[in-house]
Amino acid sequence: MKTFQLMSWVSRAFCVGVLLAGISGCGGGSETATPPASSSANPDEPPGLAELSAEDHQLALAQAICPVSKAKLGSMGAPPKVEVDGREVFICCEGCREELLKDPAGYLANLQAE
């Protein structure tokens, strides 16, 4: 019986400790997080495009999608630029680079279809 009571007390103490840790948080401060200011004038633009130079920003807007995944450029951060057959092409992420380079003509056709 004493073992059961001890285990019950330990369980309760553990739960209270977890609750207190969750309530107090690890940040300590009362400041609220402020999202970074976007340099993009259009709030509908993916935030990753704001990280590009003005020239690349316009090129990425014109291209709009990744030729490999067909994801919206800038939706996964700043889109990397790849040179394919003498043409600069944006991809949504580094994970698409290898696929694009394996079959450039096939993936570039996705851009012309849009």
PDB file of N, CA and C in Angstrom:
ATOM      1  N   MET A   1       0.820  -1.195   0.000  1.00  0.00           N
ATOM      2  CA  MET A   1       0.000   0.000   0.000  1.00  0.00           C
ATOM      3  C   MET A   1       0.867   1.262   0.000  1.00  0.00           C
ATOM      4  N   LYS A   2       1.953   1.268   0.791  1.00  0.00           N
ATOM      5  CA  LYS A   2       2.828   2.432   0.868  1.00  0.00           C
ATOM      6  C   LYS A   2       3.491   2.693  -0.490  1.00  0.00           C
ATOM      7  N   THR A   3       3.849   1.639  -1.212  1.00  0.00           N
ATOM      8  CA  THR A   3       4.463   1.800  -2.525  1.00  0.00           C
ATOM      9  C   THR A   3       3.490   2.467  -3.479  1.00  0.00           C
ATOM     10  N   PHE A   4       2.228   2.066  -3.441  1.00  0.00           N
ATOM     11  CA  PHE A   4       1.203   2.658  -4.299  1.00  0.00           C
ATOM     12  C   PHE A   4       1.032   4.144  -3.990  1.00  0.00           C
ATOM     13  N   GLN A   5       1.007   4.494  -2.702  1.00  0.00           N
ATOM     14  CA  GLN A   5       0.846   5.894  -2.313  1.00  0.00           C
ATOM     15  C   GLN A   5       2.046   6.722  -2.768  1.00  0.00           C
ATOM     16  N   LEU A   6       3.238   6.153  -2.644  1.00  0.00           N
ATOM     17  CA  LEU A   6       4.443   6.852  -3.069  1.00  0.00           C
ATOM     18  C   LEU A   6       4.423   7.082  -4.579  1.00  0.00           C
ATOM     19  N   MET A   7       4.033   6.064  -5.338  1.00  0.00           N
ATOM     20  CA  MET A   7       3.962   6.194  -6.797  1.00  0.00           C
ATOM     21  C   MET A   7       2.922   7.234  -7.195  1.00  0.00           C
ATOM     22  N   SER A   8       1.803   7.257  -6.498  1.00  0.00           N
ATOM     23  CA  SER A   8       0.747   8.221  -6.785  1.00  0.00           C
ATOM     24  C   SER A   8       1.253   9.637  -6.524  1.00  0.00           C
ATOM     25  N   TRP A   9       1.968   9.820  -5.430  1.00  0.00           N
ATOM     26  CA  TRP A   9       2.508  11.132  -5.092  1.00  0.00           C
ATOM     27  C   TRP A   9       3.548  11.570  -6.126  1.00  0.00           C
ATOM     28  N   VAL A  10       4.425  10.651  -6.538  1.00  0.00           N
ATOM     29  CA  VAL A  10       5.457  10.956  -7.531  1.00  0.00           C
ATOM     30  C   VAL A  10       4.803  11.327  -8.861  1.00  0.00           C
ATOM     31  N   SER A  11       3.762  10.603  -9.251  1.00  0.00           N
ATOM     32  CA  SER A  11       3.050  10.899 -10.502  1.00  0.00           C
ATOM     33  C   SER A  11       2.435  12.285 -10.461  1.00  0.00           C
ATOM     34  N   ARG A  12       1.826  12.622  -9.343  1.00  0.00           N
ATOM     35  CA  ARG A  12       1.206  13.944  -9.214  1.00  0.00           C
ATOM     36  C   ARG A  12       2.264  15.050  -9.254  1.00  0.00           C
ATOM     37  N   ALA A  13       3.368  14.835  -8.569  1.00  0.00           N
ATOM     38  CA  ALA A  13       4.434  15.835  -8.555  1.00  0.00           C
ATOM     39  C   ALA A  13       5.000  16.038  -9.963  1.00  0.00           C
ATOM     40  N   PHE A  14       5.145  14.953 -10.691  1.00  0.00           N
ATOM     41  CA  PHE A  14       5.642  15.043 -12.061  1.00  0.00           C
ATOM     42  C   PHE A  14       4.676  15.840 -12.934  1.00  0.00           C
ATOM     43  N   CYS A  15       3.396  15.541 -12.835  1.00  0.00           N
ATOM     44  CA  CYS A  15       2.377  16.252 -13.627  1.00  0.00           C
ATOM     45  C   CYS A  15       2.359  17.741 -13.299  1.00  0.00           C
ATOM     46  N   VAL A  16       2.454  18.076 -12.023  1.00  0.00           N
ATOM     47  CA  VAL A  16       2.470  19.483 -11.625  1.00  0.00           C
ATOM     48  C   VAL A  16       3.714  20.164 -12.206  1.00  0.00           C
ATOM     49  N   GLY A  17       4.840  19.490 -12.166  1.00  0.00           N
ATOM     50  CA  GLY A  17       6.073  20.052 -12.722  1.00  0.00           C
ATOM     51  C   GLY A  17       5.958  20.312 -14.215  1.00  0.00           C
ATOM     52  N   VAL A  18       5.373  19.362 -14.928  1.00  0.00           N
ATOM     53  CA  VAL A  18       5.190  19.527 -16.371  1.00  0.00           C
ATOM     54  C   VAL A  18       4.257  20.699 -16.655  1.00  0.00           C
ATOM     55  N   LEU A  19       3.173  20.805 -15.903  1.00  0.00           N
ATOM     56  CA  LEU A  19       2.232  21.907 -16.095  1.00  0.00           C
ATOM     57  C   LEU A  19       2.890  23.258 -15.822  1.00  0.00           C
ATOM     58  N   LEU A  20       3.663  23.331 -14.751  1.00  0.00           N
ATOM     59  CA  LEU A  20       4.340  24.585 -14.425  1.00  0.00           C
ATOM     60  C   LEU A  20       5.352  24.968 -15.500  1.00  0.00           C
ATOM     61  N   ALA A  21       6.059  23.993 -16.011  1.00  0.00           N
ATOM     62  CA  ALA A  21       7.031  24.273 -17.073  1.00  0.00           C
ATOM     63  C   ALA A  21       6.317  24.778 -18.317  1.00  0.00           C
ATOM     64  N   GLY A  22       5.182  24.199 -18.632  1.00  0.00           N
ATOM     65  CA  GLY A  22       4.416  24.631 -19.800  1.00  0.00           C
ATOM     66  C   GLY A  22       3.850  26.017 -19.634  1.00  0.00           C
ATOM     67  N   ILE A  23       3.400  26.338 -18.433  1.00  0.00           N
ATOM     68  CA  ILE A  23       2.812  27.653 -18.181  1.00  0.00           C
ATOM     69  C   ILE A  23       3.882  28.734 -18.209  1.00  0.00           C
ATOM     70  N   SER A  24       5.016  28.459 -17.593  1.00  0.00           N
ATOM     71  CA  SER A  24       6.059  29.480 -17.516  1.00  0.00           C
ATOM     72  C   SER A  24       6.781  29.656 -18.840  1.00  0.00           C
ATOM     73  N   GLY A  25       6.854  28.610 -19.642  1.00  0.00           N
ATOM     74  CA  GLY A  25       7.533  28.699 -20.935  1.00  0.00           C
ATOM     75  C   GLY A  25       9.024  28.855 -20.753  1.00  0.00           C
ATOM     76  N   CYS A  26       9.747  28.775 -21.832  1.00  0.00           N
ATOM     77  CA  CYS A  26      11.197  28.903 -21.718  1.00  0.00           C
ATOM     78  C   CYS A  26      11.685  30.246 -22.236  1.00  0.00           C
ATOM     79  N   GLY A  27      10.802  31.057 -22.809  1.00  0.00           N
ATOM     80  CA  GLY A  27      11.206  32.356 -23.347  1.00  0.00           C
ATOM     81  C   GLY A  27      11.486  33.360 -22.257  1.00  0.00           C
ATOM     82  N   GLY A  28      10.704  33.335 -21.217  1.00  0.00           N
ATOM     83  CA  GLY A  28      10.924  34.220 -20.096  1.00  0.00           C
ATOM     84  C   GLY A  28      10.404  35.625 -20.295  1.00  0.00           C
ATOM     85  N   GLY A  29      10.546  36.185 -21.453  1.00  0.00           N
ATOM     86  CA  GLY A  29      10.130  37.564 -21.699  1.00  0.00           C
ATOM     87  C   GLY A  29       8.659  37.646 -22.066  1.00  0.00           C
ATOM     88  N   SER A  30       8.150  38.866 -22.032  1.00  0.00           N
ATOM     89  CA  SER A  30       6.750  39.050 -22.390  1.00  0.00           C
ATOM     90  C   SER A  30       6.609  39.661 -23.776  1.00  0.00           C
ATOM     91  N   GLU A  31       7.739  39.778 -24.500  1.00  0.00           N
ATOM     92  CA  GLU A  31       7.663  40.347 -25.837  1.00  0.00           C
ATOM     93  C   GLU A  31       6.941  39.375 -26.757  1.00  0.00           C
ATOM     94  N   THR A  32       6.198  39.929 -27.684  1.00  0.00           N
ATOM     95  CA  THR A  32       5.545  39.083 -28.673  1.00  0.00           C
ATOM     96  C   THR A  32       6.374  39.101 -29.937  1.00  0.00           C
ATOM     97  N   ALA A  33       6.356  37.991 -30.642  1.00  0.00           N
ATOM     98  CA  ALA A  33       7.122  37.895 -31.875  1.00  0.00           C
ATOM     99  C   ALA A  33       6.483  38.762 -32.945  1.00  0.00           C
ATOM    100  N   THR A  34       7.310  39.499 -33.641  1.00  0.00           N
ATOM    101  CA  THR A  34       6.833  40.336 -34.731  1.00  0.00           C
ATOM    102  C   THR A  34       7.345  39.743 -36.028  1.00  0.00           C
ATOM    103  N   PRO A  35       6.452  39.466 -36.961  1.00  0.00           N
ATOM    104  CA  PRO A  35       6.931  38.904 -38.221  1.00  0.00           C
ATOM    105  C   PRO A  35       7.819  39.906 -38.943  1.00  0.00           C
ATOM    106  N   PRO A  36       8.810  39.401 -39.681  1.00  0.00           N
ATOM    107  CA  PRO A  36       9.699  40.320 -40.387  1.00  0.00           C
ATOM    108  C   PRO A  36       8.933  41.107 -41.441  1.00  0.00           C
ATOM    109  N   ALA A  37       9.345  42.332 -41.619  1.00  0.00           N
ATOM    110  CA  ALA A  37       8.693  43.171 -42.627  1.00  0.00           C
ATOM    111  C   ALA A  37       9.053  42.663 -44.006  1.00  0.00           C
ATOM    112  N   SER A  38       8.077  42.566 -44.858  1.00  0.00           N
ATOM    113  CA  SER A  38       8.298  42.098 -46.215  1.00  0.00           C
ATOM    114  C   SER A  38       8.555  43.293 -47.114  1.00  0.00           C
ATOM    115  N   SER A  39       9.529  43.142 -48.002  1.00  0.00           N
ATOM    116  CA  SER A  39       9.797  44.232 -48.931  1.00  0.00           C
ATOM    117  C   SER A  39       8.862  44.168 -50.127  1.00  0.00           C
ATOM    118  N   SER A  40       8.030  43.137 -50.172  1.00  0.00           N
ATOM    119  CA  SER A  40       7.095  42.980 -51.274  1.00  0.00           C
ATOM    120  C   SER A  40       5.897  43.898 -51.076  1.00  0.00           C
ATOM    121  N   ALA A  41       5.486  44.551 -52.136  1.00  0.00           N
ATOM    122  CA  ALA A  41       4.332  45.439 -52.057  1.00  0.00           C
ATOM    123  C   ALA A  41       3.033  44.652 -52.093  1.00  0.00           C
ATOM    124  N   ASN A  42       3.073  43.419 -52.572  1.00  0.00           N
ATOM    125  CA  ASN A  42       1.881  42.601 -52.718  1.00  0.00           C
ATOM    126  C   ASN A  42       1.819  41.565 -51.600  1.00  0.00           C
ATOM    127  N   PRO A  43       0.849  41.656 -50.694  1.00  0.00           N
ATOM    128  CA  PRO A  43       0.764  40.697 -49.595  1.00  0.00           C
ATOM    129  C   PRO A  43       0.401  39.284 -50.055  1.00  0.00           C
ATOM    130  N   ASP A  44      -0.079  39.132 -51.290  1.00  0.00           N
ATOM    131  CA  ASP A  44      -0.414  37.806 -51.808  1.00  0.00           C
ATOM    132  C   ASP A  44       0.804  37.064 -52.350  1.00  0.00           C
ATOM    133  N   GLU A  45       1.931  37.758 -52.483  1.00  0.00           N
ATOM    134  CA  GLU A  45       3.149  37.120 -52.977  1.00  0.00           C
ATOM    135  C   GLU A  45       3.742  36.231 -51.901  1.00  0.00           C
ATOM    136  N   PRO A  46       4.282  35.078 -52.291  1.00  0.00           N
ATOM    137  CA  PRO A  46       4.980  34.240 -51.314  1.00  0.00           C
ATOM    138  C   PRO A  46       6.153  35.010 -50.710  1.00  0.00           C
ATOM    139  N   PRO A  47       6.392  34.870 -49.419  1.00  0.00           N
ATOM    140  CA  PRO A  47       7.426  35.655 -48.740  1.00  0.00           C
ATOM    141  C   PRO A  47       8.839  35.413 -49.254  1.00  0.00           C
ATOM    142  N   GLY A  48       9.114  34.242 -49.801  1.00  0.00           N
ATOM    143  CA  GLY A  48      10.459  33.949 -50.281  1.00  0.00           C
ATOM    144  C   GLY A  48      10.907  34.838 -51.421  1.00  0.00           C
ATOM    145  N   LEU A  49       9.971  35.375 -52.183  1.00  0.00           N
ATOM    146  CA  LEU A  49      10.346  36.237 -53.311  1.00  0.00           C
ATOM    147  C   LEU A  49      10.943  37.555 -52.844  1.00  0.00           C
ATOM    148  N   ALA A  50      10.588  37.997 -51.657  1.00  0.00           N
ATOM    149  CA  ALA A  50      11.109  39.257 -51.123  1.00  0.00           C
ATOM    150  C   ALA A  50      12.612  39.182 -50.870  1.00  0.00           C
ATOM    151  N   GLU A  51      13.160  37.970 -50.771  1.00  0.00           N
ATOM    152  CA  GLU A  51      14.585  37.793 -50.507  1.00  0.00           C
ATOM    153  C   GLU A  51      15.436  37.927 -51.769  1.00  0.00           C
ATOM    154  N   LEU A  52      14.805  37.992 -52.935  1.00  0.00           N
ATOM    155  CA  LEU A  52      15.531  38.059 -54.199  1.00  0.00           C
ATOM    156  C   LEU A  52      15.886  39.497 -54.567  1.00  0.00           C
ATOM    157  N   SER A  53      16.870  39.636 -55.453  1.00  0.00           N
ATOM    158  CA  SER A  53      17.189  40.963 -55.993  1.00  0.00           C
ATOM    159  C   SER A  53      15.987  41.433 -56.807  1.00  0.00           C
ATOM    160  N   ALA A  54      15.931  42.713 -57.109  1.00  0.00           N
ATOM    161  CA  ALA A  54      14.798  43.257 -57.867  1.00  0.00           C
ATOM    162  C   ALA A  54      14.656  42.564 -59.224  1.00  0.00           C
ATOM    163  N   GLU A  55      15.781  42.325 -59.892  1.00  0.00           N
ATOM    164  CA  GLU A  55      15.744  41.669 -61.206  1.00  0.00           C
ATOM    165  C   GLU A  55      15.243  40.229 -61.088  1.00  0.00           C
ATOM    166  N   ASP A  56      15.820  39.468 -60.137  1.00  0.00           N
ATOM    167  CA  ASP A  56      15.392  38.081 -59.952  1.00  0.00           C
ATOM    168  C   ASP A  56      13.949  38.001 -59.473  1.00  0.00           C
ATOM    169  N   HIS A  57      13.535  38.972 -58.681  1.00  0.00           N
ATOM    170  CA  HIS A  57      12.157  39.019 -58.194  1.00  0.00           C
ATOM    171  C   HIS A  57      11.194  39.072 -59.377  1.00  0.00           C
ATOM    172  N   GLN A  58      11.480  39.936 -60.339  1.00  0.00           N
ATOM    173  CA  GLN A  58      10.621  40.059 -61.521  1.00  0.00           C
ATOM    174  C   GLN A  58      10.643  38.784 -62.363  1.00  0.00           C
ATOM    175  N   LEU A  59      11.822  38.183 -62.515  1.00  0.00           N
ATOM    176  CA  LEU A  59      11.924  36.941 -63.286  1.00  0.00           C
ATOM    177  C   LEU A  59      11.144  35.808 -62.618  1.00  0.00           C
ATOM    178  N   ALA A  60      11.260  35.704 -61.302  1.00  0.00           N
ATOM    179  CA  ALA A  60      10.545  34.653 -60.570  1.00  0.00           C
ATOM    180  C   ALA A  60       9.038  34.873 -60.630  1.00  0.00           C
ATOM    181  N   LEU A  61       8.603  36.124 -60.552  1.00  0.00           N
ATOM    182  CA  LEU A  61       7.169  36.420 -60.680  1.00  0.00           C
ATOM    183  C   LEU A  61       6.652  36.003 -62.050  1.00  0.00           C
ATOM    184  N   ALA A  62       7.436  36.277 -63.086  1.00  0.00           N
ATOM    185  CA  ALA A  62       7.025  35.923 -64.443  1.00  0.00           C
ATOM    186  C   ALA A  62       6.971  34.410 -64.624  1.00  0.00           C
ATOM    187  N   GLN A  63       7.927  33.694 -64.019  1.00  0.00           N
ATOM    188  CA  GLN A  63       7.944  32.230 -64.137  1.00  0.00           C
ATOM    189  C   GLN A  63       6.830  31.611 -63.303  1.00  0.00           C
ATOM    190  N   ALA A  64       6.603  32.108 -62.125  1.00  0.00           N
ATOM    191  CA  ALA A  64       5.515  31.740 -61.208  1.00  0.00           C
ATOM    192  C   ALA A  64       5.641  30.389 -60.519  1.00  0.00           C
ATOM    193  N   ILE A  65       5.971  29.316 -61.235  1.00  0.00           N
ATOM    194  CA  ILE A  65       6.005  27.990 -60.615  1.00  0.00           C
ATOM    195  C   ILE A  65       7.348  27.300 -60.820  1.00  0.00           C
ATOM    196  N   CYS A  66       7.593  26.314 -59.992  1.00  0.00           N
ATOM    197  CA  CYS A  66       8.765  25.454 -60.136  1.00  0.00           C
ATOM    198  C   CYS A  66       8.470  24.471 -61.270  1.00  0.00           C
ATOM    199  N   PRO A  67       9.369  24.308 -62.228  1.00  0.00           N
ATOM    200  CA  PRO A  67       9.100  23.388 -63.325  1.00  0.00           C
ATOM    201  C   PRO A  67       9.045  21.924 -62.889  1.00  0.00           C
ATOM    202  N   VAL A  68       9.656  21.601 -61.765  1.00  0.00           N
ATOM    203  CA  VAL A  68       9.688  20.213 -61.299  1.00  0.00           C
ATOM    204  C   VAL A  68       8.466  19.888 -60.450  1.00  0.00           C
ATOM    205  N   SER A  69       8.257  20.633 -59.377  1.00  0.00           N
ATOM    206  CA  SER A  69       7.162  20.329 -58.442  1.00  0.00           C
ATOM    207  C   SER A  69       5.866  21.056 -58.779  1.00  0.00           C
ATOM    208  N   LYS A  70       5.972  22.079 -59.602  1.00  0.00           N
ATOM    209  CA  LYS A  70       4.851  22.965 -59.949  1.00  0.00           C
ATOM    210  C   LYS A  70       4.341  23.756 -58.743  1.00  0.00           C
ATOM    211  N   ALA A  71       5.180  23.831 -57.697  1.00  0.00           N
ATOM    212  CA  ALA A  71       4.851  24.639 -56.514  1.00  0.00           C
ATOM    213  C   ALA A  71       5.085  26.108 -56.849  1.00  0.00           C
ATOM    214  N   LYS A  72       4.358  26.981 -56.167  1.00  0.00           N
ATOM    215  CA  LYS A  72       4.499  28.422 -56.374  1.00  0.00           C
ATOM    216  C   LYS A  72       5.886  28.854 -55.895  1.00  0.00           C
ATOM    217  N   LEU A  73       6.614  29.554 -56.747  1.00  0.00           N
ATOM    218  CA  LEU A  73       7.954  30.016 -56.372  1.00  0.00           C
ATOM    219  C   LEU A  73       7.876  30.964 -55.183  1.00  0.00           C
ATOM    220  N   GLY A  74       8.776  30.783 -54.232  1.00  0.00           N
ATOM    221  CA  GLY A  74       8.809  31.619 -53.040  1.00  0.00           C
ATOM    222  C   GLY A  74       8.034  31.034 -51.883  1.00  0.00           C
ATOM    223  N   SER A  75       7.287  29.962 -52.124  1.00  0.00           N
ATOM    224  CA  SER A  75       6.492  29.368 -51.048  1.00  0.00           C
ATOM    225  C   SER A  75       7.352  28.578 -50.063  1.00  0.00           C
ATOM    226  N   MET A  76       8.596  28.261 -50.451  1.00  0.00           N
ATOM    227  CA  MET A  76       9.501  27.512 -49.574  1.00  0.00           C
ATOM    228  C   MET A  76      10.757  28.310 -49.279  1.00  0.00           C
ATOM    229  N   GLY A  77      10.660  29.619 -49.320  1.00  0.00           N
ATOM    230  CA  GLY A  77      11.825  30.469 -49.118  1.00  0.00           C
ATOM    231  C   GLY A  77      12.288  31.014 -50.458  1.00  0.00           C
ATOM    232  N   ALA A  78      13.446  31.630 -50.455  1.00  0.00           N
ATOM    233  CA  ALA A  78      13.980  32.211 -51.688  1.00  0.00           C
ATOM    234  C   ALA A  78      14.247  31.097 -52.695  1.00  0.00           C
ATOM    235  N   PRO A  79      13.675  31.191 -53.889  1.00  0.00           N
ATOM    236  CA  PRO A  79      13.878  30.126 -54.872  1.00  0.00           C
ATOM    237  C   PRO A  79      15.288  30.167 -55.468  1.00  0.00           C
ATOM    238  N   PRO A  80      15.973  29.019 -55.489  1.00  0.00           N
ATOM    239  CA  PRO A  80      17.302  28.971 -56.103  1.00  0.00           C
ATOM    240  C   PRO A  80      17.202  29.122 -57.624  1.00  0.00           C
ATOM    241  N   LYS A  81      18.239  29.711 -58.215  1.00  0.00           N
ATOM    242  CA  LYS A  81      18.288  29.890 -59.665  1.00  0.00           C
ATOM    243  C   LYS A  81      19.266  28.870 -60.236  1.00  0.00           C
ATOM    244  N   VAL A  82      18.855  28.205 -61.324  1.00  0.00           N
ATOM    245  CA  VAL A  82      19.676  27.184 -61.967  1.00  0.00           C
ATOM    246  C   VAL A  82      19.816  27.548 -63.440  1.00  0.00           C
ATOM    247  N   GLU A  83      21.017  27.397 -63.982  1.00  0.00           N
ATOM    248  CA  GLU A  83      21.192  27.615 -65.415  1.00  0.00           C
ATOM    249  C   GLU A  83      20.996  26.286 -66.127  1.00  0.00           C
ATOM    250  N   VAL A  84      20.037  26.267 -67.054  1.00  0.00           N
ATOM    251  CA  VAL A  84      19.705  25.052 -67.794  1.00  0.00           C
ATOM    252  C   VAL A  84      19.695  25.396 -69.281  1.00  0.00           C
ATOM    253  N   ASP A  85      20.549  24.737 -70.033  1.00  0.00           N
ATOM    254  CA  ASP A  85      20.627  24.965 -71.480  1.00  0.00           C
ATOM    255  C   ASP A  85      20.747  26.451 -71.817  1.00  0.00           C
ATOM    256  N   GLY A  86      21.572  27.169 -71.066  1.00  0.00           N
ATOM    257  CA  GLY A  86      21.794  28.585 -71.312  1.00  0.00           C
ATOM    258  C   GLY A  86      20.681  29.497 -70.822  1.00  0.00           C
ATOM    259  N   ARG A  87      19.738  28.945 -70.099  1.00  0.00           N
ATOM    260  CA  ARG A  87      18.591  29.721 -69.605  1.00  0.00           C
ATOM    261  C   ARG A  87      18.580  29.672 -68.077  1.00  0.00           C
ATOM    262  N   GLU A  88      18.283  30.801 -67.448  1.00  0.00           N
ATOM    263  CA  GLU A  88      18.168  30.830 -65.990  1.00  0.00           C
ATOM    264  C   GLU A  88      16.743  30.466 -65.602  1.00  0.00           C
ATOM    265  N   VAL A  89      16.638  29.462 -64.732  1.00  0.00           N
ATOM    266  CA  VAL A  89      15.341  28.949 -64.306  1.00  0.00           C
ATOM    267  C   VAL A  89      15.329  28.901 -62.785  1.00  0.00           C
ATOM    268  N   PHE A  90      14.213  29.257 -62.193  1.00  0.00           N
ATOM    269  CA  PHE A  90      14.062  29.163 -60.743  1.00  0.00           C
ATOM    270  C   PHE A  90      13.387  27.848 -60.391  1.00  0.00           C
ATOM    271  N   ILE A  91      13.799  27.282 -59.260  1.00  0.00           N
ATOM    272  CA  ILE A  91      13.156  26.089 -58.714  1.00  0.00           C
ATOM    273  C   ILE A  91      12.699  26.421 -57.299  1.00  0.00           C
ATOM    274  N   CYS A  92      11.746  25.664 -56.792  1.00  0.00           N
ATOM    275  CA  CYS A  92      11.192  25.992 -55.473  1.00  0.00           C
ATOM    276  C   CYS A  92      12.181  25.708 -54.346  1.00  0.00           C
ATOM    277  N   CYS A  93      13.040  24.686 -54.540  1.00  0.00           N
ATOM    278  CA  CYS A  93      13.983  24.306 -53.481  1.00  0.00           C
ATOM    279  C   CYS A  93      15.148  23.533 -54.089  1.00  0.00           C
ATOM    280  N   GLU A  94      16.197  23.364 -53.329  1.00  0.00           N
ATOM    281  CA  GLU A  94      17.372  22.624 -53.802  1.00  0.00           C
ATOM    282  C   GLU A  94      17.045  21.165 -54.123  1.00  0.00           C
ATOM    283  N   GLY A  95      15.998  20.627 -53.503  1.00  0.00           N
ATOM    284  CA  GLY A  95      15.606  19.244 -53.761  1.00  0.00           C
ATOM    285  C   GLY A  95      15.186  19.002 -55.199  1.00  0.00           C
ATOM    286  N   CYS A  96      14.816  20.047 -55.925  1.00  0.00           N
ATOM    287  CA  CYS A  96      14.372  19.905 -57.318  1.00  0.00           C
ATOM    288  C   CYS A  96      15.514  20.035 -58.325  1.00  0.00           C
ATOM    289  N   ARG A  97      16.674  20.486 -57.883  1.00  0.00           N
ATOM    290  CA  ARG A  97      17.795  20.742 -58.799  1.00  0.00           C
ATOM    291  C   ARG A  97      18.190  19.489 -59.583  1.00  0.00           C
ATOM    292  N   GLU A  98      18.408  18.384 -58.897  1.00  0.00           N
ATOM    293  CA  GLU A  98      18.878  17.163 -59.552  1.00  0.00           C
ATOM    294  C   GLU A  98      17.875  16.664 -60.591  1.00  0.00           C
ATOM    295  N   GLU A  99      16.592  16.687 -60.243  1.00  0.00           N
ATOM    296  CA  GLU A  99      15.558  16.242 -61.182  1.00  0.00           C
ATOM    297  C   GLU A  99      15.526  17.125 -62.423  1.00  0.00           C
ATOM    298  N   LEU A 100      15.617  18.431 -62.236  1.00  0.00           N
ATOM    299  CA  LEU A 100      15.608  19.368 -63.364  1.00  0.00           C
ATOM    300  C   LEU A 100      16.777  19.093 -64.298  1.00  0.00           C
ATOM    301  N   LEU A 101      17.952  18.858 -63.728  1.00  0.00           N
ATOM    302  CA  LEU A 101      19.140  18.634 -64.547  1.00  0.00           C
ATOM    303  C   LEU A 101      19.131  17.274 -65.234  1.00  0.00           C
ATOM    304  N   LYS A 102      18.372  16.308 -64.710  1.00  0.00           N
ATOM    305  CA  LYS A 102      18.254  14.989 -65.350  1.00  0.00           C
ATOM    306  C   LYS A 102      17.458  15.075 -66.652  1.00  0.00           C
ATOM    307  N   ASP A 103      16.403  15.882 -66.659  1.00  0.00           N
ATOM    308  CA  ASP A 103      15.514  15.978 -67.822  1.00  0.00           C
ATOM    309  C   ASP A 103      15.104  17.433 -68.053  1.00  0.00           C
ATOM    310  N   PRO A 104      16.049  18.275 -68.452  1.00  0.00           N
ATOM    311  CA  PRO A 104      15.737  19.696 -68.597  1.00  0.00           C
ATOM    312  C   PRO A 104      14.598  19.971 -69.576  1.00  0.00           C
ATOM    313  N   ALA A 105      14.628  19.342 -70.737  1.00  0.00           N
ATOM    314  CA  ALA A 105      13.600  19.615 -71.751  1.00  0.00           C
ATOM    315  C   ALA A 105      12.214  19.248 -71.243  1.00  0.00           C
ATOM    316  N   GLY A 106      12.110  18.121 -70.570  1.00  0.00           N
ATOM    317  CA  GLY A 106      10.812  17.686 -70.048  1.00  0.00           C
ATOM    318  C   GLY A 106      10.259  18.647 -69.014  1.00  0.00           C
ATOM    319  N   TYR A 107      11.119  19.106 -68.111  1.00  0.00           N
ATOM    320  CA  TYR A 107      10.649  20.013 -67.061  1.00  0.00           C
ATOM    321  C   TYR A 107      10.435  21.434 -67.575  1.00  0.00           C
ATOM    322  N   LEU A 108      11.264  21.878 -68.505  1.00  0.00           N
ATOM    323  CA  LEU A 108      11.066  23.217 -69.060  1.00  0.00           C
ATOM    324  C   LEU A 108       9.760  23.291 -69.847  1.00  0.00           C
ATOM    325  N   ALA A 109       9.318  22.162 -70.374  1.00  0.00           N
ATOM    326  CA  ALA A 109       8.023  22.121 -71.069  1.00  0.00           C
ATOM    327  C   ALA A 109       6.887  22.454 -70.103  1.00  0.00           C
ATOM    328  N   ASN A 110       7.063  22.133 -68.816  1.00  0.00           N
ATOM    329  CA  ASN A 110       6.042  22.478 -67.813  1.00  0.00           C
ATOM    330  C   ASN A 110       5.858  23.986 -67.709  1.00  0.00           C
ATOM    331  N   LEU A 111       6.930  24.733 -67.931  1.00  0.00           N
ATOM    332  CA  LEU A 111       6.838  26.192 -67.851  1.00  0.00           C
ATOM    333  C   LEU A 111       6.121  26.764 -69.070  1.00  0.00           C
ATOM    334  N   GLN A 112       6.317  26.151 -70.203  1.00  0.00           N
ATOM    335  CA  GLN A 112       5.662  26.632 -71.418  1.00  0.00           C
ATOM    336  C   GLN A 112       4.186  26.273 -71.428  1.00  0.00           C
ATOM    337  N   ALA A 113       3.815  25.211 -70.698  1.00  0.00           N
ATOM    338  CA  ALA A 113       2.413  24.787 -70.640  1.00  0.00           C
ATOM    339  C   ALA A 113       1.590  25.723 -69.771  1.00  0.00           C
ATOM    340  N   GLU A 114       2.251  26.451 -68.860  1.00  0.00           N
ATOM    341  CA  GLU A 114       1.521  27.335 -67.935  1.00  0.00           C
ATOM    342  C   GLU A 114       1.117  28.615 -68.599  1.00  0.00           C
TER     343      GLU A 114
END
